[in-house]
Structure formats: C-alpha cells, structure tokens
Amino acid sequence: MDRIFTLDEARSLLPAVMEEAREVIAARADLAEIAYDRETRGESERGGIPELKAHEARIEEILSGWTERGIEVKGLAPVLIDFPAVLEGQSVRLCWIEGERELAWYHRTELGFAGRRPL
C-alpha cells in the first residue's frame, strides 16, 4: 500500500526534501552546462563524462530516496513533488514545487497540478 502522509508529517519532511532539491537543482544545472559546452566547444570547465555520470547518479539517488519514502516525483525541471494525503475524506496530493518556501498547496489526486489550491 502506498504511504499516506498527514500534513504535519509532510511538513516535517520538507526541510530535508528542500535541501536535497537544492542538490538536484545544482546537479541539473551542471549537467546542462557540461552537455552544452561539450556539444558546442568539445569540452567544459565543469568536467566531462565522469562528472556527467556523477551528477546523474546523485540525482537518481535523491529521486529514489524520495520515492522510497512515499513521495511522488512529478517533475525535475522544475522539481515538483507530491505527498499523498487525505483531506476531509478525499484523496489529495500535498504539492510542493521548486522555489516555494513551505508546503502550502494541495490538489485532488485526479486533477493534478492544474487543480492546485492553497491549504
């Protein structure tokens, strides 16, 4: 069975998730820069294949860790995650997107991001 979070549980996890998201964001930017530089100039000051692989592995490690904790990863650019929850007897997702400072939004499970509402 999938994990169901209370609002308090999800909010208590958010600081660690946000720190990991910062790592994803930095690695994502480095990946883009290395790939672009290698394609356009043949090399990058940020590294080569080993650095690309290391960034990819770290991103995958973080995303897998979120999934193992029951957090749903909906996007990588921007980072978008959902915490499955139940509010007023209805299946919802507590929704956080890169750049937000707190967990303050939700949407009905079947509606997705377009149905976001403030908590």
C-alpha atoms as a PDB file:
ATOM      1  CA  MET A   1       0.000   0.000   0.000  1.00  0.00           C
ATOM      2  CA  ASP A   2       1.192   3.487  -0.806  1.00  0.00           C
ATOM      3  CA  ARG A   3       2.102   5.764   2.067  1.00  0.00           C
ATOM      4  CA  ILE A   4      -0.402   8.386   3.133  1.00  0.00           C
ATOM      5  CA  PHE A   5       1.061  11.460   4.811  1.00  0.00           C
ATOM      6  CA  THR A   6      -0.558  13.729   7.324  1.00  0.00           C
ATOM      7  CA  LEU A   7       0.010  17.417   6.704  1.00  0.00           C
ATOM      8  CA  ASP A   8       2.286  17.552   9.763  1.00  0.00           C
ATOM      9  CA  GLU A   9       4.338  14.572   8.540  1.00  0.00           C
ATOM     10  CA  ALA A  10       4.803  16.078   5.098  1.00  0.00           C
ATOM     11  CA  ARG A  11       5.717  19.460   6.514  1.00  0.00           C
ATOM     12  CA  SER A  12       8.242  17.867   8.882  1.00  0.00           C
ATOM     13  CA  LEU A  13       9.962  16.172   5.934  1.00  0.00           C
ATOM     14  CA  LEU A  14      10.028  19.278   3.773  1.00  0.00           C
ATOM     15  CA  PRO A  15      13.248  20.893   5.124  1.00  0.00           C
ATOM     16  CA  ALA A  16      15.263  17.770   4.241  1.00  0.00           C
ATOM     17  CA  VAL A  17      13.486  17.464   0.894  1.00  0.00           C
ATOM     18  CA  MET A  18      14.248  21.113   0.117  1.00  0.00           C
ATOM     19  CA  GLU A  19      17.934  20.603   0.915  1.00  0.00           C
ATOM     20  CA  GLU A  20      18.030  17.566  -1.371  1.00  0.00           C
ATOM     21  CA  ALA A  21      16.148  19.558  -4.022  1.00  0.00           C
ATOM     22  CA  ARG A  22      18.904  22.181  -3.898  1.00  0.00           C
ATOM     23  CA  GLU A  23      21.377  19.405  -4.719  1.00  0.00           C
ATOM     24  CA  VAL A  24      19.188  18.246  -7.608  1.00  0.00           C
ATOM     25  CA  ILE A  25      18.911  21.800  -8.931  1.00  0.00           C
ATOM     26  CA  ALA A  26      22.676  22.339  -8.789  1.00  0.00           C
ATOM     27  CA  ALA A  27      23.406  18.978 -10.411  1.00  0.00           C
ATOM     28  CA  ARG A  28      20.741  19.612 -13.058  1.00  0.00           C
ATOM     29  CA  ALA A  29      22.374  22.961 -13.930  1.00  0.00           C
ATOM     30  CA  ASP A  30      25.835  21.409 -14.069  1.00  0.00           C
ATOM     31  CA  LEU A  31      24.540  18.622 -16.329  1.00  0.00           C
ATOM     32  CA  ALA A  32      23.010  21.139 -18.716  1.00  0.00           C
ATOM     33  CA  GLU A  33      26.140  23.275 -18.779  1.00  0.00           C
ATOM     34  CA  ILE A  34      28.536  20.376 -19.275  1.00  0.00           C
ATOM     35  CA  ALA A  35      26.402  18.877 -22.042  1.00  0.00           C
ATOM     36  CA  TYR A  36      26.024  22.209 -23.832  1.00  0.00           C
ATOM     37  CA  ASP A  37      29.707  23.080 -23.568  1.00  0.00           C
ATOM     38  CA  ARG A  38      30.779  19.651 -24.766  1.00  0.00           C
ATOM     39  CA  GLU A  39      28.392  19.856 -27.697  1.00  0.00           C
ATOM     40  CA  THR A  40      29.334  23.381 -28.747  1.00  0.00           C
ATOM     41  CA  ARG A  41      33.016  23.569 -27.756  1.00  0.00           C
ATOM     42  CA  GLY A  42      34.051  19.975 -27.249  1.00  0.00           C
ATOM     43  CA  GLU A  43      34.875  20.474 -23.558  1.00  0.00           C
ATOM     44  CA  SER A  44      33.613  22.090 -20.378  1.00  0.00           C
ATOM     45  CA  GLU A  45      35.309  23.668 -17.404  1.00  0.00           C
ATOM     46  CA  ARG A  46      32.754  21.816 -15.274  1.00  0.00           C
ATOM     47  CA  GLY A  47      34.035  18.429 -16.402  1.00  0.00           C
ATOM     48  CA  GLY A  48      33.407  15.610 -18.800  1.00  0.00           C
ATOM     49  CA  ILE A  49      31.814  12.184 -18.864  1.00  0.00           C
ATOM     50  CA  PRO A  50      32.835  11.246 -15.277  1.00  0.00           C
ATOM     51  CA  GLU A  51      31.259  14.423 -13.898  1.00  0.00           C
ATOM     52  CA  LEU A  52      28.127  13.925 -16.026  1.00  0.00           C
ATOM     53  CA  LYS A  53      27.752  10.398 -14.678  1.00  0.00           C
ATOM     54  CA  ALA A  54      28.360  11.541 -11.091  1.00  0.00           C
ATOM     55  CA  HIS A  55      25.670  14.239 -11.345  1.00  0.00           C
ATOM     56  CA  GLU A  56      23.225  11.802 -12.950  1.00  0.00           C
ATOM     57  CA  ALA A  57      23.900   9.243 -10.213  1.00  0.00           C
ATOM     58  CA  ARG A  58      23.364  11.796  -7.429  1.00  0.00           C
ATOM     59  CA  ILE A  59      20.090  12.981  -8.936  1.00  0.00           C
ATOM     60  CA  GLU A  60      18.892   9.391  -9.271  1.00  0.00           C
ATOM     61  CA  GLU A  61      19.928   8.639  -5.676  1.00  0.00           C
ATOM     62  CA  ILE A  62      17.902  11.581  -4.362  1.00  0.00           C
ATOM     63  CA  LEU A  63      14.844  10.829  -6.507  1.00  0.00           C
ATOM     64  CA  SER A  64      14.944   7.160  -5.499  1.00  0.00           C
ATOM     65  CA  GLY A  65      15.174   8.154  -1.852  1.00  0.00           C
ATOM     66  CA  TRP A  66      12.081  10.309  -2.180  1.00  0.00           C
ATOM     67  CA  THR A  67      10.187   7.508  -3.898  1.00  0.00           C
ATOM     68  CA  GLU A  68      11.239   5.024  -1.203  1.00  0.00           C
ATOM     69  CA  ARG A  69       9.805   7.398   1.430  1.00  0.00           C
ATOM     70  CA  GLY A  70       6.484   7.504  -0.425  1.00  0.00           C
ATOM     71  CA  ILE A  71       6.982  10.920  -2.019  1.00  0.00           C
ATOM     72  CA  GLU A  72       5.839  11.120  -5.628  1.00  0.00           C
ATOM     73  CA  VAL A  73       8.252  12.811  -8.031  1.00  0.00           C
ATOM     74  CA  LYS A  74       6.265  14.660 -10.702  1.00  0.00           C
ATOM     75  CA  GLY A  75       8.973  16.768 -12.318  1.00  0.00           C
ATOM     76  CA  LEU A  76      12.675  17.501 -12.389  1.00  0.00           C
ATOM     77  CA  ALA A  77      12.801  20.885 -14.129  1.00  0.00           C
ATOM     78  CA  PRO A  78      11.346  22.380 -12.076  1.00  0.00           C
ATOM     79  CA  VAL A  79      11.461  19.954  -9.153  1.00  0.00           C
ATOM     80  CA  LEU A  80       7.851  19.059  -8.394  1.00  0.00           C
ATOM     81  CA  ILE A  81       6.816  16.550  -5.736  1.00  0.00           C
ATOM     82  CA  ASP A  82       3.586  15.352  -4.175  1.00  0.00           C
ATOM     83  CA  PHE A  83       2.884  13.814  -0.791  1.00  0.00           C
ATOM     84  CA  PRO A  84      -0.160  11.502  -0.985  1.00  0.00           C
ATOM     85  CA  ALA A  85      -2.656  12.517   1.698  1.00  0.00           C
ATOM     86  CA  VAL A  86      -6.310  12.560   2.668  1.00  0.00           C
ATOM     87  CA  LEU A  87      -8.068  15.844   3.424  1.00  0.00           C
ATOM     88  CA  GLU A  88     -11.689  15.873   4.531  1.00  0.00           C
ATOM     89  CA  GLY A  89     -12.031  12.252   3.412  1.00  0.00           C
ATOM     90  CA  GLN A  90     -10.769  12.952  -0.111  1.00  0.00           C
ATOM     91  CA  SER A  91      -7.607  11.619  -1.752  1.00  0.00           C
ATOM     92  CA  VAL A  92      -5.282  14.558  -2.418  1.00  0.00           C
ATOM     93  CA  ARG A  93      -1.667  15.353  -3.070  1.00  0.00           C
ATOM     94  CA  LEU A  94       0.155  17.883  -0.908  1.00  0.00           C
ATOM     95  CA  CYS A  95       2.110  19.649  -3.595  1.00  0.00           C
ATOM     96  CA  TRP A  96       5.496  21.391  -3.475  1.00  0.00           C
ATOM     97  CA  ILE A  97       7.359  22.925  -6.405  1.00  0.00           C
ATOM     98  CA  GLU A  98      10.882  24.290  -6.592  1.00  0.00           C
ATOM     99  CA  GLY A  99      11.072  27.822  -5.277  1.00  0.00           C
ATOM    100  CA  GLU A 100       8.294  27.559  -2.702  1.00  0.00           C
ATOM    101  CA  ARG A 101       9.342  28.158   0.894  1.00  0.00           C
ATOM    102  CA  GLU A 102       6.753  25.901   2.510  1.00  0.00           C
ATOM    103  CA  LEU A 103       4.211  23.201   1.837  1.00  0.00           C
ATOM    104  CA  ALA A 104       1.138  25.350   1.260  1.00  0.00           C
ATOM    105  CA  TRP A 105      -0.731  23.771  -1.674  1.00  0.00           C
ATOM    106  CA  TYR A 106      -2.714  20.647  -2.476  1.00  0.00           C
ATOM    107  CA  HIS A 107      -4.744  19.246  -5.341  1.00  0.00           C
ATOM    108  CA  ARG A 108      -7.229  16.442  -5.692  1.00  0.00           C
ATOM    109  CA  THR A 109      -5.426  13.304  -6.801  1.00  0.00           C
ATOM    110  CA  GLU A 110      -7.285  13.021 -10.084  1.00  0.00           C
ATOM    111  CA  LEU A 111      -6.809  16.691 -11.059  1.00  0.00           C
ATOM    112  CA  GLY A 112      -3.057  17.075 -10.846  1.00  0.00           C
ATOM    113  CA  PHE A 113      -1.164  20.344 -10.773  1.00  0.00           C
ATOM    114  CA  ALA A 114      -3.853  22.280 -12.655  1.00  0.00           C
ATOM    115  CA  GLY A 115      -6.184  21.740  -9.688  1.00  0.00           C
ATOM    116  CA  ARG A 116      -3.806  23.253  -7.080  1.00  0.00           C
ATOM    117  CA  ARG A 117      -5.411  25.108  -4.208  1.00  0.00           C
ATOM    118  CA  PRO A 118      -3.920  26.737  -1.110  1.00  0.00           C
ATOM    119  CA  LEU A 119      -4.087  24.697   2.088  1.00  0.00           C
END
